């Protein structure tokens, strides 16, 4: 029943005794009214209770409800992204995915934990309106987004496949992520007032991400960001391979132009546009 607290169900069956001629006995009206009053009170009480488990459409779940140990840095809910402001539809920095995706990510996390590593997600479910916001930005000449696309004119991002009006992210089956060394110092944080080098620069000059150096920053639309790029060091390549192998063991497939992008074949479906709101 819409509005009822998930898991709370109220079932009331009223038995009205009848005379031998089949008519309701007189004198039972007061009892019936009392039962109805109690029923209405129970329903009203259930309606005002806060939901114990927030309901999302289409089999979506908050990743924190599946595995709270997976780190989250949802960039499109902040100004630390290629547009430079929160993107439409991101009302909160929460990772939302299809349940199957979440369960498989949990399995990946459990494997990585044995090596003192963790996943960190940058983007998960993406409202369809966010993709349209990105397309609109790519056609706006006022901002180049140079830190994230240093060698590509942003007007070409759509043509080259970096930005699209339809995204697998909107189906809940795709996500962007990286690896974190839990034994390392990951305390550096992004300072919006500071000027950082572009995403292809050495890690000490780029905006801090609190994660393992993969050769570029997240969302770096550059040839160096391609998964099999030859422009990165052997160590950076090895870490990319560690991430890809761990994800592949749970069925995830990497996108060749973005080392951070993975999808789970068969887990998607239609694109959704509900906004990302805070988990209660």
C-alpha atoms as a PDB file:
ATOM      1  CA  UNK A   1       0.000   0.000   0.000  1.00  0.00           C
ATOM      2  CA  UNK A   2       1.516   3.350  -0.993  1.00  0.00           C
ATOM      3  CA  UNK A   3       2.616   5.317   2.037  1.00  0.00           C
ATOM      4  CA  UNK A   4       2.664   2.433   4.485  1.00  0.00           C
ATOM      5  CA  UNK A   5       5.904   1.742   6.259  1.00  0.00           C
ATOM      6  CA  UNK A   6       7.635  -1.039   4.252  1.00  0.00           C
ATOM      7  CA  UNK A   7       7.238  -4.272   6.152  1.00  0.00           C
ATOM      8  CA  UNK A   8       4.179  -3.089   8.108  1.00  0.00           C
ATOM      9  CA  UNK A   9       0.966  -4.641   6.868  1.00  0.00           C
ATOM     10  CA  UNK A  10      -2.396  -4.246   8.557  1.00  0.00           C
ATOM     11  CA  UNK A  11      -4.976  -6.924   7.862  1.00  0.00           C
ATOM     12  CA  UNK A  12      -8.377  -6.697   9.497  1.00  0.00           C
ATOM     13  CA  UNK A  13     -11.204  -9.066   8.761  1.00  0.00           C
ATOM     14  CA  UNK A  14     -14.587  -8.255  10.293  1.00  0.00           C
ATOM     15  CA  UNK A  15     -16.976 -11.118  10.921  1.00  0.00           C
ATOM     16  CA  UNK A  16     -20.572 -10.018  11.361  1.00  0.00           C
ATOM     17  CA  UNK A  17     -22.887 -12.589  12.878  1.00  0.00           C
ATOM     18  CA  UNK A  18     -26.251 -12.990  11.204  1.00  0.00           C
ATOM     19  CA  UNK A  19     -29.670 -14.131  12.305  1.00  0.00           C
ATOM     20  CA  UNK A  20     -31.157 -17.255  10.865  1.00  0.00           C
ATOM     21  CA  UNK A  21     -32.910 -15.184   8.195  1.00  0.00           C
ATOM     22  CA  UNK A  22     -29.510 -13.908   6.966  1.00  0.00           C
ATOM     23  CA  UNK A  23     -29.872 -10.334   8.184  1.00  0.00           C
ATOM     24  CA  UNK A  24     -27.261  -8.668  10.406  1.00  0.00           C
ATOM     25  CA  UNK A  25     -28.075  -8.835  14.059  1.00  0.00           C
ATOM     26  CA  UNK A  26     -29.195  -5.599  15.572  1.00  0.00           C
ATOM     27  CA  UNK A  27     -26.854  -4.171  18.182  1.00  0.00           C
ATOM     28  CA  UNK A  28     -23.665  -4.907  16.231  1.00  0.00           C
ATOM     29  CA  UNK A  29     -23.426  -1.483  14.567  1.00  0.00           C
ATOM     30  CA  UNK A  30     -21.571  -0.014  17.540  1.00  0.00           C
ATOM     31  CA  UNK A  31     -19.017  -2.824  17.395  1.00  0.00           C
ATOM     32  CA  UNK A  32     -18.545  -2.293  13.667  1.00  0.00           C
ATOM     33  CA  UNK A  33     -17.988   1.403  14.143  1.00  0.00           C
ATOM     34  CA  UNK A  34     -15.394   0.694  16.833  1.00  0.00           C
ATOM     35  CA  UNK A  35     -13.534  -1.744  14.578  1.00  0.00           C
ATOM     36  CA  UNK A  36     -13.541   0.747  11.718  1.00  0.00           C
ATOM     37  CA  UNK A  37     -12.236   3.471  14.044  1.00  0.00           C
ATOM     38  CA  UNK A  38      -9.357   1.231  15.161  1.00  0.00           C
ATOM     39  CA  UNK A  39      -8.567   0.295  11.552  1.00  0.00           C
ATOM     40  CA  UNK A  40      -8.465   3.917  10.426  1.00  0.00           C
ATOM     41  CA  UNK A  41      -6.234   4.815  13.374  1.00  0.00           C
ATOM     42  CA  UNK A  42      -3.793   2.015  12.514  1.00  0.00           C
ATOM     43  CA  UNK A  43      -3.601   3.070   8.876  1.00  0.00           C
ATOM     44  CA  UNK A  44      -3.140   6.732   9.788  1.00  0.00           C
ATOM     45  CA  UNK A  45      -0.382   5.795  12.235  1.00  0.00           C
ATOM     46  CA  UNK A  46       1.401   3.702   9.590  1.00  0.00           C
ATOM     47  CA  UNK A  47       1.176   6.537   7.079  1.00  0.00           C
ATOM     48  CA  UNK A  48       2.982   8.977   9.326  1.00  0.00           C
ATOM     49  CA  UNK A  49       5.739   6.601  10.382  1.00  0.00           C
ATOM     50  CA  UNK A  50       9.121   7.371   8.786  1.00  0.00           C
ATOM     51  CA  UNK A  51      10.133   4.670   6.325  1.00  0.00           C
ATOM     52  CA  UNK A  52      12.488   2.136   7.833  1.00  0.00           C
ATOM     53  CA  UNK A  53      13.933   1.227   4.443  1.00  0.00           C
ATOM     54  CA  UNK A  54      13.769   3.904   1.802  1.00  0.00           C
ATOM     55  CA  UNK A  55      12.009   2.637  -1.293  1.00  0.00           C
ATOM     56  CA  UNK A  56      13.566   3.277  -4.695  1.00  0.00           C
ATOM     57  CA  UNK A  57      12.022   2.413  -8.072  1.00  0.00           C
ATOM     58  CA  UNK A  58      12.987  -0.357 -10.450  1.00  0.00           C
ATOM     59  CA  UNK A  59      14.993  -2.559  -8.106  1.00  0.00           C
ATOM     60  CA  UNK A  60      17.465   0.196  -7.225  1.00  0.00           C
ATOM     61  CA  UNK A  61      19.212   0.306  -3.848  1.00  0.00           C
ATOM     62  CA  UNK A  62      21.568   2.586  -1.987  1.00  0.00           C
ATOM     63  CA  UNK A  63      25.013   1.014  -2.134  1.00  0.00           C
ATOM     64  CA  UNK A  64      25.539   1.891   1.547  1.00  0.00           C
ATOM     65  CA  UNK A  65      22.680  -0.491   2.384  1.00  0.00           C
ATOM     66  CA  UNK A  66      24.533  -3.306   0.600  1.00  0.00           C
ATOM     67  CA  UNK A  67      28.108  -2.514   1.660  1.00  0.00           C
ATOM     68  CA  UNK A  68      28.880   0.587   3.735  1.00  0.00           C
ATOM     69  CA  UNK A  69      32.636  -0.133   3.553  1.00  0.00           C
ATOM     70  CA  UNK A  70      32.859   0.862  -0.124  1.00  0.00           C
ATOM     71  CA  UNK A  71      34.119   4.448  -0.220  1.00  0.00           C
ATOM     72  CA  UNK A  72      32.085   7.080  -2.028  1.00  0.00           C
ATOM     73  CA  UNK A  73      33.091  10.369  -3.635  1.00  0.00           C
ATOM     74  CA  UNK A  74      30.137  11.226  -5.876  1.00  0.00           C
ATOM     75  CA  UNK A  75      31.683  13.997  -7.932  1.00  0.00           C
ATOM     76  CA  UNK A  76      28.623  15.128  -9.846  1.00  0.00           C
ATOM     77  CA  UNK A  77      27.000  16.193  -6.581  1.00  0.00           C
ATOM     78  CA  UNK A  78      29.904  18.633  -6.044  1.00  0.00           C
ATOM     79  CA  UNK A  79      31.834  21.307  -7.916  1.00  0.00           C
ATOM     80  CA  UNK A  80      34.814  18.972  -8.399  1.00  0.00           C
ATOM     81  CA  UNK A  81      33.842  17.789 -11.870  1.00  0.00           C
ATOM     82  CA  UNK A  82      34.295  18.855 -15.492  1.00  0.00           C
ATOM     83  CA  UNK A  83      31.276  21.176 -15.403  1.00  0.00           C
ATOM     84  CA  UNK A  84      32.404  22.847 -12.178  1.00  0.00           C
ATOM     85  CA  UNK A  85      29.071  22.690 -10.344  1.00  0.00           C
ATOM     86  CA  UNK A  86      26.595  20.056  -9.126  1.00  0.00           C
ATOM     87  CA  UNK A  87      24.913  18.435 -12.123  1.00  0.00           C
ATOM     88  CA  UNK A  88      21.139  18.300 -12.548  1.00  0.00           C
ATOM     89  CA  UNK A  89      19.549  15.448 -10.631  1.00  0.00           C
ATOM     90  CA  UNK A  90      22.321  15.080  -8.048  1.00  0.00           C
ATOM     91  CA  UNK A  91      20.668  16.350  -4.900  1.00  0.00           C
ATOM     92  CA  UNK A  92      22.910  14.208  -2.677  1.00  0.00           C
ATOM     93  CA  UNK A  93      26.265  12.452  -2.891  1.00  0.00           C
ATOM     94  CA  UNK A  94      24.941   8.890  -2.783  1.00  0.00           C
ATOM     95  CA  UNK A  95      25.691   5.857  -4.909  1.00  0.00           C
ATOM     96  CA  UNK A  96      22.530   4.154  -6.161  1.00  0.00           C
ATOM     97  CA  UNK A  97      22.705   0.941  -8.206  1.00  0.00           C
ATOM     98  CA  UNK A  98      20.620  -2.059  -9.200  1.00  0.00           C
ATOM     99  CA  UNK A  99      20.615  -4.624  -6.387  1.00  0.00           C
ATOM    100  CA  UNK A 100      22.537  -7.215  -8.412  1.00  0.00           C
ATOM    101  CA  UNK A 101      25.245  -4.653  -9.162  1.00  0.00           C
ATOM    102  CA  UNK A 102      25.491  -3.774  -5.481  1.00  0.00           C
ATOM    103  CA  UNK A 103      25.825  -7.403  -4.426  1.00  0.00           C
ATOM    104  CA  UNK A 104      28.587  -8.018  -6.944  1.00  0.00           C
ATOM    105  CA  UNK A 105      30.415  -4.888  -5.850  1.00  0.00           C
ATOM    106  CA  UNK A 106      30.249  -6.213  -2.308  1.00  0.00           C
ATOM    107  CA  UNK A 107      31.926  -9.414  -3.494  1.00  0.00           C
ATOM    108  CA  UNK A 108      34.666  -7.381  -5.197  1.00  0.00           C
ATOM    109  CA  UNK A 109      35.164  -5.364  -2.018  1.00  0.00           C
ATOM    110  CA  UNK A 110      35.486  -8.490   0.100  1.00  0.00           C
ATOM    111  CA  UNK A 111      38.201  -9.796  -2.204  1.00  0.00           C
ATOM    112  CA  UNK A 112      40.100  -6.498  -2.195  1.00  0.00           C
ATOM    113  CA  UNK A 113      39.897  -6.189   1.592  1.00  0.00           C
ATOM    114  CA  UNK A 114      42.230  -9.179   1.895  1.00  0.00           C
ATOM    115  CA  UNK A 115      44.904  -6.984   0.271  1.00  0.00           C
ATOM    116  CA  UNK A 116      44.059  -3.895   2.351  1.00  0.00           C
ATOM    117  CA  UNK A 117      42.456  -2.279  -0.696  1.00  0.00           C
ATOM    118  CA  UNK A 118      39.035  -0.730  -1.178  1.00  0.00           C
ATOM    119  CA  UNK A 119      36.803   0.389  -3.993  1.00  0.00           C
ATOM    120  CA  UNK A 120      35.917   4.068  -4.239  1.00  0.00           C
ATOM    121  CA  UNK A 121      32.949   4.997  -6.424  1.00  0.00           C
ATOM    122  CA  UNK A 122      32.758   8.328  -8.247  1.00  0.00           C
ATOM    123  CA  UNK A 123      29.449   7.855 -10.056  1.00  0.00           C
ATOM    124  CA  UNK A 124      26.747   5.180 -10.087  1.00  0.00           C
ATOM    125  CA  UNK A 125      23.134   5.635 -11.172  1.00  0.00           C
ATOM    126  CA  UNK A 126      22.861   8.872 -13.164  1.00  0.00           C
ATOM    127  CA  UNK A 127      19.491  10.546 -13.740  1.00  0.00           C
ATOM    128  CA  UNK A 128      18.742  10.985 -17.459  1.00  0.00           C
ATOM    129  CA  UNK A 129      18.457  14.732 -16.900  1.00  0.00           C
ATOM    130  CA  UNK A 130      22.124  14.774 -15.832  1.00  0.00           C
ATOM    131  CA  UNK A 131      23.244  13.404 -19.201  1.00  0.00           C
ATOM    132  CA  UNK A 132      21.255  16.138 -20.944  1.00  0.00           C
ATOM    133  CA  UNK A 133      22.901  18.693 -18.656  1.00  0.00           C
ATOM    134  CA  UNK A 134      26.312  17.395 -19.762  1.00  0.00           C
ATOM    135  CA  UNK A 135      25.364  17.616 -23.435  1.00  0.00           C
ATOM    136  CA  UNK A 136      24.142  21.188 -22.922  1.00  0.00           C
ATOM    137  CA  UNK A 137      27.436  22.092 -21.222  1.00  0.00           C
ATOM    138  CA  UNK A 138      29.486  20.616 -24.088  1.00  0.00           C
ATOM    139  CA  UNK A 139      27.776  23.043 -26.476  1.00  0.00           C
ATOM    140  CA  UNK A 140      28.345  26.075 -24.255  1.00  0.00           C
ATOM    141  CA  UNK A 141      31.526  27.953 -25.299  1.00  0.00           C
ATOM    142  CA  UNK A 142      31.887  29.823 -21.999  1.00  0.00           C
ATOM    143  CA  UNK A 143      33.781  27.080 -20.137  1.00  0.00           C
ATOM    144  CA  UNK A 144      36.452  24.828 -21.622  1.00  0.00           C
ATOM    145  CA  UNK A 145      36.673  22.282 -18.782  1.00  0.00           C
ATOM    146  CA  UNK A 146      40.425  22.240 -19.479  1.00  0.00           C
ATOM    147  CA  UNK A 147      41.405  20.449 -16.281  1.00  0.00           C
ATOM    148  CA  UNK A 148      39.486  17.359 -17.409  1.00  0.00           C
ATOM    149  CA  UNK A 149      39.961  17.527 -21.188  1.00  0.00           C
ATOM    150  CA  UNK A 150      43.327  19.235 -21.767  1.00  0.00           C
ATOM    151  CA  UNK A 151      43.856  18.077 -25.377  1.00  0.00           C
ATOM    152  CA  UNK A 152      40.296  17.799 -26.692  1.00  0.00           C
ATOM    153  CA  UNK A 153      37.953  20.642 -27.574  1.00  0.00           C
ATOM    154  CA  UNK A 154      34.885  20.037 -25.429  1.00  0.00           C
ATOM    155  CA  UNK A 155      32.653  20.430 -28.474  1.00  0.00           C
ATOM    156  CA  UNK A 156      34.107  17.144 -29.692  1.00  0.00           C
ATOM    157  CA  UNK A 157      33.349  15.189 -26.512  1.00  0.00           C
ATOM    158  CA  UNK A 158      29.908  14.179 -27.771  1.00  0.00           C
ATOM    159  CA  UNK A 159      31.227  13.037 -31.166  1.00  0.00           C
ATOM    160  CA  UNK A 160      34.089  11.076 -29.579  1.00  0.00           C
ATOM    161  CA  UNK A 161      31.795   9.182 -27.237  1.00  0.00           C
ATOM    162  CA  UNK A 162      32.830  10.755 -23.935  1.00  0.00           C
ATOM    163  CA  UNK A 163      29.436  12.438 -23.475  1.00  0.00           C
ATOM    164  CA  UNK A 164      26.109  11.038 -24.660  1.00  0.00           C
ATOM    165  CA  UNK A 165      22.456  11.952 -24.306  1.00  0.00           C
ATOM    166  CA  UNK A 166      21.819   8.343 -23.213  1.00  0.00           C
ATOM    167  CA  UNK A 167      24.022   6.691 -20.603  1.00  0.00           C
ATOM    168  CA  UNK A 168      24.189   3.169 -19.193  1.00  0.00           C
ATOM    169  CA  UNK A 169      24.539   4.887 -15.830  1.00  0.00           C
ATOM    170  CA  UNK A 170      20.840   5.789 -16.055  1.00  0.00           C
ATOM    171  CA  UNK A 171      19.912   2.096 -16.063  1.00  0.00           C
ATOM    172  CA  UNK A 172      21.748   1.477 -12.784  1.00  0.00           C
ATOM    173  CA  UNK A 173      24.105  -1.044 -14.386  1.00  0.00           C
ATOM    174  CA  UNK A 174      27.170   1.187 -14.877  1.00  0.00           C
ATOM    175  CA  UNK A 175      29.508   2.942 -12.487  1.00  0.00           C
ATOM    176  CA  UNK A 176      32.802   4.806 -12.268  1.00  0.00           C
ATOM    177  CA  UNK A 177      35.315   3.765  -9.639  1.00  0.00           C
ATOM    178  CA  UNK A 178      38.919   3.312  -8.606  1.00  0.00           C
ATOM    179  CA  UNK A 179      41.075   1.639  -5.967  1.00  0.00           C
ATOM    180  CA  UNK A 180      42.218   2.952  -2.593  1.00  0.00           C
ATOM    181  CA  UNK A 181      45.233   1.703  -0.653  1.00  0.00           C
ATOM    182  CA  UNK A 182      43.901   1.632   2.897  1.00  0.00           C
ATOM    183  CA  UNK A 183      47.440   1.648   4.307  1.00  0.00           C
ATOM    184  CA  UNK A 184      48.351   4.897   2.521  1.00  0.00           C
ATOM    185  CA  UNK A 185      47.800   8.495   3.603  1.00  0.00           C
ATOM    186  CA  UNK A 186      44.584   9.467   1.806  1.00  0.00           C
ATOM    187  CA  UNK A 187      43.860  12.564   3.868  1.00  0.00           C
ATOM    188  CA  UNK A 188      44.416  15.224   1.160  1.00  0.00           C
ATOM    189  CA  UNK A 189      41.148  16.814   0.045  1.00  0.00           C
ATOM    190  CA  UNK A 190      40.037  18.919  -2.905  1.00  0.00           C
ATOM    191  CA  UNK A 191      40.292  22.681  -2.410  1.00  0.00           C
ATOM    192  CA  UNK A 192      37.943  24.552  -4.796  1.00  0.00           C
ATOM    193  CA  UNK A 193      39.973  27.751  -4.321  1.00  0.00           C
ATOM    194  CA  UNK A 194      43.214  26.125  -5.479  1.00  0.00           C
ATOM    195  CA  UNK A 195      44.432  25.899  -9.070  1.00  0.00           C
ATOM    196  CA  UNK A 196      45.437  22.357  -9.996  1.00  0.00           C
ATOM    197  CA  UNK A 197      47.244  20.980 -13.028  1.00  0.00           C
ATOM    198  CA  UNK A 198      45.186  19.064 -15.587  1.00  0.00           C
ATOM    199  CA  UNK A 199      44.191  15.434 -15.164  1.00  0.00           C
ATOM    200  CA  UNK A 200      47.184  14.076 -17.102  1.00  0.00           C
ATOM    201  CA  UNK A 201      49.811  15.749 -14.893  1.00  0.00           C
ATOM    202  CA  UNK A 202      51.856  13.877 -12.248  1.00  0.00           C
ATOM    203  CA  UNK A 203      49.719  12.866  -9.299  1.00  0.00           C
ATOM    204  CA  UNK A 204      51.307  15.384  -6.919  1.00  0.00           C
ATOM    205  CA  UNK A 205      50.175  18.252  -9.190  1.00  0.00           C
ATOM    206  CA  UNK A 206      46.659  17.026  -9.916  1.00  0.00           C
ATOM    207  CA  UNK A 207      43.635  17.554  -7.701  1.00  0.00           C
ATOM    208  CA  UNK A 208      43.861  15.009  -4.844  1.00  0.00           C
ATOM    209  CA  UNK A 209      41.566  12.008  -5.088  1.00  0.00           C
ATOM    210  CA  UNK A 210      42.621   9.951  -2.066  1.00  0.00           C
ATOM    211  CA  UNK A 211      43.203   6.906  -4.223  1.00  0.00           C
ATOM    212  CA  UNK A 212      45.884   4.916  -6.032  1.00  0.00           C
ATOM    213  CA  UNK A 213      47.592   6.713  -8.916  1.00  0.00           C
ATOM    214  CA  UNK A 214      46.132   5.237 -12.113  1.00  0.00           C
ATOM    215  CA  UNK A 215      48.039   7.584 -14.422  1.00  0.00           C
ATOM    216  CA  UNK A 216      45.274  10.187 -14.758  1.00  0.00           C
ATOM    217  CA  UNK A 217      42.604  11.682 -12.602  1.00  0.00           C
ATOM    218  CA  UNK A 218      38.989  10.544 -12.765  1.00  0.00           C
ATOM    219  CA  UNK A 219      36.938  11.695 -15.791  1.00  0.00           C
ATOM    220  CA  UNK A 220      40.082  12.542 -17.759  1.00  0.00           C
ATOM    221  CA  UNK A 221      38.959  12.718 -21.395  1.00  0.00           C
ATOM    222  CA  UNK A 222      42.384  12.146 -22.860  1.00  0.00           C
ATOM    223  CA  UNK A 223      44.199   9.317 -24.656  1.00  0.00           C
ATOM    224  CA  UNK A 224      46.108   8.777 -21.413  1.00  0.00           C
ATOM    225  CA  UNK A 225      42.810   7.918 -19.770  1.00  0.00           C
ATOM    226  CA  UNK A 226      42.237   5.033 -22.182  1.00  0.00           C
ATOM    227  CA  UNK A 227      42.543   1.783 -20.280  1.00  0.00           C
ATOM    228  CA  UNK A 228      45.377   0.355 -22.402  1.00  0.00           C
ATOM    229  CA  UNK A 229      47.256   3.638 -22.860  1.00  0.00           C
ATOM    230  CA  UNK A 230      50.990   3.261 -23.451  1.00  0.00           C
ATOM    231  CA  UNK A 231      51.646   6.714 -21.974  1.00  0.00           C
ATOM    232  CA  UNK A 232      51.487   5.562 -18.349  1.00  0.00           C
ATOM    233  CA  UNK A 233      54.109   3.937 -16.130  1.00  0.00           C
ATOM    234  CA  UNK A 234      54.333   0.166 -15.540  1.00  0.00           C
ATOM    235  CA  UNK A 235      53.171   0.685 -11.955  1.00  0.00           C
ATOM    236  CA  UNK A 236      50.109   2.654 -13.058  1.00  0.00           C
ATOM    237  CA  UNK A 237      49.322   0.001 -15.659  1.00  0.00           C
ATOM    238  CA  UNK A 238      49.617  -2.730 -13.042  1.00  0.00           C
ATOM    239  CA  UNK A 239      47.074  -1.030 -10.798  1.00  0.00           C
ATOM    240  CA  UNK A 240      44.652  -0.625 -13.674  1.00  0.00           C
ATOM    241  CA  UNK A 241      45.008  -4.329 -14.337  1.00  0.00           C
ATOM    242  CA  UNK A 242      44.361  -5.140 -10.675  1.00  0.00           C
ATOM    243  CA  UNK A 243      41.129  -3.141 -10.795  1.00  0.00           C
ATOM    244  CA  UNK A 244      39.977  -4.634 -14.092  1.00  0.00           C
ATOM    245  CA  UNK A 245      40.738  -8.201 -12.975  1.00  0.00           C
ATOM    246  CA  UNK A 246      38.896  -7.801  -9.657  1.00  0.00           C
ATOM    247  CA  UNK A 247      35.837  -6.364 -11.416  1.00  0.00           C
ATOM    248  CA  UNK A 248      35.932  -8.953 -14.204  1.00  0.00           C
ATOM    249  CA  UNK A 249      35.769 -11.795 -11.702  1.00  0.00           C
ATOM    250  CA  UNK A 250      32.285 -10.541 -10.809  1.00  0.00           C
ATOM    251  CA  UNK A 251      31.223 -10.084 -14.431  1.00  0.00           C
ATOM    252  CA  UNK A 252      31.907  -6.359 -14.896  1.00  0.00           C
ATOM    253  CA  UNK A 253      33.208  -5.088 -18.235  1.00  0.00           C
ATOM    254  CA  UNK A 254      35.492  -2.075 -18.615  1.00  0.00           C
ATOM    255  CA  UNK A 255      34.999   0.686 -21.209  1.00  0.00           C
ATOM    256  CA  UNK A 256      38.204   0.985 -23.239  1.00  0.00           C
ATOM    257  CA  UNK A 257      38.251   4.805 -23.316  1.00  0.00           C
ATOM    258  CA  UNK A 258      37.868   5.194 -19.553  1.00  0.00           C
ATOM    259  CA  UNK A 259      39.846   3.065 -17.115  1.00  0.00           C
ATOM    260  CA  UNK A 260      37.351   3.968 -14.347  1.00  0.00           C
ATOM    261  CA  UNK A 261      34.112   2.982 -16.141  1.00  0.00           C
ATOM    262  CA  UNK A 262      32.522  -0.450 -15.690  1.00  0.00           C
ATOM    263  CA  UNK A 263      29.157  -1.982 -16.493  1.00  0.00           C
ATOM    264  CA  UNK A 264      27.418  -5.254 -15.707  1.00  0.00           C
ATOM    265  CA  UNK A 265      25.924  -6.786 -18.888  1.00  0.00           C
ATOM    266  CA  UNK A 266      22.279  -7.744 -18.529  1.00  0.00           C
ATOM    267  CA  UNK A 267      21.714  -5.828 -15.316  1.00  0.00           C
ATOM    268  CA  UNK A 268      20.369  -2.673 -16.908  1.00  0.00           C
ATOM    269  CA  UNK A 269      17.231  -2.012 -18.890  1.00  0.00           C
ATOM    270  CA  UNK A 270      15.339   1.218 -19.295  1.00  0.00           C
ATOM    271  CA  UNK A 271      16.876   4.555 -18.382  1.00  0.00           C
ATOM    272  CA  UNK A 272      15.488   6.287 -15.293  1.00  0.00           C
ATOM    273  CA  UNK A 273      15.321   9.938 -14.342  1.00  0.00           C
ATOM    274  CA  UNK A 274      14.465  10.026 -10.637  1.00  0.00           C
ATOM    275  CA  UNK A 275      16.754  12.421  -8.717  1.00  0.00           C
ATOM    276  CA  UNK A 276      19.424  11.189  -6.315  1.00  0.00           C
ATOM    277  CA  UNK A 277      18.338  12.173  -2.830  1.00  0.00           C
ATOM    278  CA  UNK A 278      19.860  11.670   0.590  1.00  0.00           C
ATOM    279  CA  UNK A 279      19.604   8.205   2.067  1.00  0.00           C
ATOM    280  CA  UNK A 280      17.454   8.194   5.202  1.00  0.00           C
END
